[in-house]
Amino acid sequence: MIRQALATALMAGTMLVASTNAGAVTIDFDSLADNASANLDPVAQANRIKFFSAFLTDDLDEFGDPIPGETHFEAYPDSDIRVVTPEPFGRGPAPSGTLMINSLFDQLLIRFGTSRAINGFGFAEDSSSFGDLFEVPIYFLDANGKTLFEGGPYLPNASADHRYEFIFDTAMVRQILLPSTSKLYDDITVHFVPEPGSLALLLTGLCALGIGRRRSPGMTAS
């Protein structure tokens, strides 16, 4: 019985590792307390996703001088992105029900633990009429903060829900930048392309679980 329990636990762990490396991940921040750090969200932590305040800056040459026309996005080292209850800000209820990420005056940088191929991305904004009156893009960045491609543009004060689907597996994205538009963000969803190793782990776990069930006394034909 102990051996069977250990085997079952191992199978479950194998499938958990696979699941955290593949498929859609949605972060709604509702498990946190008001004014908690967004980086404490358990779904974000399990999927190695972090949030930063960011700025656009010049690329520098080997002498530390700006390279004309070359820029990248960079995270502030003292970033402290928080989640809040939107009602005190006059923003109505959160789309997910409770909390939203507070990036009213910051560009929000979403960073993965490693560069990943993605085939979809989405987020919700507060449903108020606040927000910039001009269209803005979403920036998909590499590990160095350089733009790989753009999503959008969209009008912040016109729609509360934004979803992007890519008909191709994108380049290896490390970061996504949401602009500062005087809005609160919620329900951030990333559709990761399953990694070959994750698929192998998942299939191994499922096969092992099936074999274990066939060998279990409770599953034996009488």
Protein backbone atom coordinates (compact mmCIF):
# COMPACT_ATOMS: atom_id res chain seq x y z
CA MET A 1 0.00 0.00 0.00
CA ILE A 2 2.83 2.42 0.82
CA ARG A 3 4.55 1.66 -2.48
CA GLN A 4 1.29 2.24 -4.36
CA ALA A 5 0.72 5.57 -2.55
CA LEU A 6 4.24 6.72 -3.40
CA ALA A 7 3.76 5.77 -7.03
CA THR A 8 0.46 7.66 -7.18
CA ALA A 9 2.09 10.73 -5.64
CA LEU A 10 4.92 10.54 -8.17
CA MET A 11 2.45 10.32 -11.05
CA ALA A 12 0.51 13.31 -9.71
CA GLY A 13 3.71 15.30 -9.32
CA THR A 14 4.76 14.46 -12.87
CA MET A 15 1.44 15.68 -14.26
CA LEU A 16 1.55 18.82 -12.10
CA VAL A 17 4.97 19.74 -13.46
CA ALA A 18 3.68 19.24 -16.98
CA SER A 19 0.54 21.26 -16.39
CA THR A 20 2.45 24.27 -15.02
CA ASN A 21 4.51 24.38 -18.22
CA ALA A 22 1.71 24.16 -20.75
CA GLY A 23 -1.67 25.59 -21.68
CA ALA A 24 -3.54 28.68 -20.55
CA VAL A 25 -2.68 30.38 -17.26
CA THR A 26 -5.11 32.96 -15.82
CA ILE A 27 -4.23 35.20 -12.89
CA ASP A 28 -7.16 37.01 -11.22
CA PHE A 29 -5.41 38.06 -7.95
CA ASP A 30 -8.54 37.32 -5.91
CA SER A 31 -6.76 35.03 -3.44
CA LEU A 32 -4.67 37.99 -2.17
CA ALA A 33 -5.43 40.63 0.44
CA ASP A 34 -6.15 44.22 -0.56
CA ASN A 35 -2.87 46.11 -1.17
CA ALA A 36 -0.80 42.91 -1.28
CA SER A 37 2.07 42.54 -3.73
CA ALA A 38 0.91 41.14 -7.07
CA ASN A 39 3.98 38.90 -7.04
CA LEU A 40 2.52 36.94 -4.12
CA ASP A 41 -0.29 35.54 -6.27
CA PRO A 42 -0.02 31.72 -6.02
CA VAL A 43 -0.90 31.11 -9.68
CA ALA A 44 1.75 33.61 -10.77
CA GLN A 45 4.32 32.03 -8.47
CA ALA A 46 3.51 28.48 -9.64
CA ASN A 47 4.05 29.57 -13.25
CA ARG A 48 7.09 31.78 -12.56
CA ILE A 49 5.37 34.97 -13.66
CA LYS A 50 6.33 38.30 -12.05
CA PHE A 51 5.10 41.88 -12.33
CA PHE A 52 7.18 45.05 -12.49
CA SER A 53 6.84 48.73 -13.20
CA ALA A 54 8.78 49.53 -16.36
CA PHE A 55 10.21 52.38 -18.42
CA LEU A 56 11.58 52.89 -21.91
CA THR A 57 15.28 53.68 -22.06
CA ASP A 58 18.13 54.03 -24.56
CA ASP A 59 20.41 51.17 -25.53
CA LEU A 60 24.00 51.93 -24.59
CA ASP A 61 27.18 51.22 -26.50
CA GLU A 62 30.36 49.75 -25.03
CA PHE A 63 31.32 53.18 -23.69
CA GLY A 64 27.99 53.73 -21.93
CA ASP A 65 26.72 56.24 -24.50
CA PRO A 66 23.17 56.09 -25.98
CA ILE A 67 22.86 54.39 -29.37
CA PRO A 68 20.76 56.67 -31.60
CA GLY A 69 17.33 55.19 -32.36
CA GLU A 70 17.87 52.06 -30.23
CA THR A 71 15.69 51.58 -27.14
CA HIS A 72 14.39 48.84 -24.86
CA PHE A 73 12.01 48.44 -21.93
CA GLU A 74 13.49 47.93 -18.49
CA ALA A 75 12.01 47.13 -15.07
CA TYR A 76 12.47 49.53 -12.18
CA PRO A 77 14.56 47.67 -9.57
CA ASP A 78 12.30 48.97 -6.76
CA SER A 79 9.04 47.94 -8.47
CA ASP A 80 6.21 47.37 -6.02
CA ILE A 81 3.11 46.47 -8.04
CA ARG A 82 0.09 46.02 -5.77
CA VAL A 83 -3.46 44.72 -6.08
CA VAL A 84 -6.39 46.83 -4.91
CA THR A 85 -10.14 46.83 -4.52
CA PRO A 86 -11.24 49.00 -7.45
CA GLU A 87 -14.35 50.61 -5.93
CA PRO A 88 -12.47 53.27 -3.88
CA PHE A 89 -10.88 54.40 -7.16
CA GLY A 90 -14.33 54.89 -8.72
CA ARG A 91 -13.76 51.95 -11.05
CA GLY A 92 -16.67 49.63 -10.21
CA PRO A 93 -16.25 45.94 -9.34
CA ALA A 94 -13.34 43.87 -10.61
CA PRO A 95 -14.16 41.66 -13.63
CA SER A 96 -13.10 38.61 -11.61
CA GLY A 97 -14.99 39.77 -8.54
CA THR A 98 -12.58 41.23 -5.96
CA LEU A 99 -9.14 42.62 -6.76
CA MET A 100 -7.29 44.20 -9.68
CA ILE A 101 -3.66 45.03 -10.31
CA ASN A 102 -2.89 48.71 -9.72
CA SER A 103 -0.96 50.09 -12.66
CA LEU A 104 -2.73 53.43 -13.02
CA PHE A 105 0.49 55.38 -13.44
CA ASP A 106 2.95 52.64 -14.43
CA GLN A 107 3.71 50.63 -17.49
CA LEU A 108 3.14 47.05 -16.36
CA LEU A 109 5.86 44.56 -17.27
CA ILE A 110 4.85 40.89 -17.09
CA ARG A 111 7.93 38.68 -17.00
CA PHE A 112 8.15 34.90 -17.39
CA GLY A 113 10.75 32.78 -15.63
CA THR A 114 12.12 31.75 -19.01
CA SER A 115 11.47 32.67 -22.64
CA ARG A 116 8.38 30.84 -23.90
CA ALA A 117 6.44 30.46 -27.12
CA ILE A 118 2.87 31.71 -26.71
CA ASN A 119 -0.17 31.56 -29.00
CA GLY A 120 -2.53 33.80 -27.08
CA PHE A 121 -2.74 36.56 -24.49
CA GLY A 122 -5.56 38.42 -22.79
CA PHE A 123 -6.42 40.80 -19.99
CA ALA A 124 -9.35 42.76 -18.62
CA GLU A 125 -9.51 46.40 -17.59
CA ASP A 126 -11.82 48.14 -15.16
CA SER A 127 -15.22 48.93 -16.67
CA SER A 128 -15.12 52.67 -15.97
CA SER A 129 -15.08 55.40 -18.61
CA PHE A 130 -11.62 56.46 -17.43
CA GLY A 131 -8.66 55.75 -19.65
CA ASP A 132 -6.60 57.26 -22.43
CA LEU A 133 -8.48 58.54 -25.48
CA PHE A 134 -5.91 57.32 -27.99
CA GLU A 135 -5.07 53.82 -29.18
CA VAL A 136 -2.15 51.98 -27.59
CA PRO A 137 -0.36 48.72 -28.47
CA ILE A 138 0.74 45.78 -26.35
CA TYR A 139 4.46 45.01 -26.60
CA PHE A 140 5.82 41.47 -26.66
CA LEU A 141 9.49 41.55 -25.66
CA ASP A 142 12.57 39.38 -25.55
CA ALA A 143 14.78 38.88 -22.47
CA ASN A 144 16.57 42.16 -23.16
CA GLY A 145 13.39 44.22 -23.30
CA LYS A 146 13.52 44.59 -27.09
CA THR A 147 10.23 44.49 -28.99
CA LEU A 148 9.61 41.24 -30.86
CA PHE A 149 6.17 42.27 -32.13
CA GLU A 150 3.13 44.33 -31.12
CA GLY A 151 -0.46 43.39 -30.33
CA GLY A 152 -3.37 45.75 -30.75
CA PRO A 153 -3.69 48.66 -30.88
CA TYR A 154 -6.77 49.12 -28.70
CA LEU A 155 -8.68 52.05 -27.20
CA PRO A 156 -8.46 51.90 -23.37
CA ASN A 157 -11.68 53.76 -22.58
CA ALA A 158 -13.81 51.89 -25.11
CA SER A 159 -13.57 48.23 -24.11
CA ALA A 160 -12.87 46.35 -20.89
CA ASP A 161 -11.74 43.00 -22.27
CA HIS A 162 -8.90 42.40 -24.70
CA ARG A 163 -7.92 39.03 -26.20
CA TYR A 164 -5.20 38.24 -28.71
CA GLU A 165 -4.82 34.96 -30.56
CA PHE A 166 -1.90 34.18 -32.82
CA ILE A 167 -2.35 31.76 -35.70
CA PHE A 168 1.31 30.88 -35.40
CA ASP A 169 3.56 29.96 -32.50
CA THR A 170 5.30 33.21 -31.71
CA ALA A 171 8.96 33.88 -31.15
CA MET A 172 10.28 33.08 -27.69
CA VAL A 173 8.65 35.76 -25.56
CA ARG A 174 10.14 36.61 -22.17
CA GLN A 175 8.11 39.70 -21.26
CA ILE A 176 4.86 41.47 -22.12
CA LEU A 177 4.37 45.19 -21.56
CA LEU A 178 0.95 46.71 -20.89
CA PRO A 179 0.93 50.51 -21.27
CA SER A 180 0.00 53.02 -18.59
CA THR A 181 -3.53 54.05 -19.58
CA SER A 182 -5.09 55.15 -16.25
CA LYS A 183 -6.76 51.75 -15.94
CA LEU A 184 -6.66 48.84 -13.48
CA TYR A 185 -5.82 45.39 -14.91
CA ASP A 186 -7.32 41.98 -14.11
CA ASP A 187 -7.68 38.40 -15.42
CA ILE A 188 -4.29 38.29 -17.11
CA THR A 189 -4.18 35.17 -19.29
CA VAL A 190 -1.22 33.70 -21.15
CA HIS A 191 -1.60 30.78 -23.56
CA PHE A 192 1.72 28.98 -23.48
CA VAL A 193 2.63 26.62 -26.30
CA PRO A 194 3.25 23.22 -24.62
CA GLU A 195 6.93 22.38 -24.42
CA PRO A 196 7.99 18.96 -25.79
CA GLY A 197 9.32 17.95 -22.38
CA SER A 198 6.04 18.92 -20.71
CA LEU A 199 4.03 16.81 -23.15
CA ALA A 200 6.31 13.85 -22.54
CA LEU A 201 5.94 14.24 -18.77
CA LEU A 202 2.17 14.49 -19.04
CA LEU A 203 1.88 11.42 -21.26
CA THR A 204 4.21 9.46 -18.97
CA GLY A 205 2.14 10.38 -15.95
CA LEU A 206 -1.15 9.48 -17.63
CA CYS A 207 0.19 6.15 -18.89
CA ALA A 208 1.62 5.29 -15.49
CA LEU A 209 -1.63 6.23 -13.80
CA GLY A 210 -3.56 4.00 -16.20
CA ILE A 211 -1.23 1.06 -15.55
CA GLY A 212 -1.52 1.65 -11.81
CA ARG A 213 -5.30 1.60 -11.98
CA ARG A 214 -5.31 -1.67 -13.95
CA ARG A 215 -3.07 -3.28 -11.34
CA SER A 216 -5.07 -1.95 -8.39
CA PRO A 217 -6.99 -4.73 -6.56
CA GLY A 218 -10.12 -2.60 -6.62
CA MET A 219 -10.03 -2.54 -10.41
CA THR A 220 -9.54 -6.27 -10.96
CA ALA A 221 -12.34 -8.16 -12.69
CA SER A 222 -14.05 -10.76 -10.51
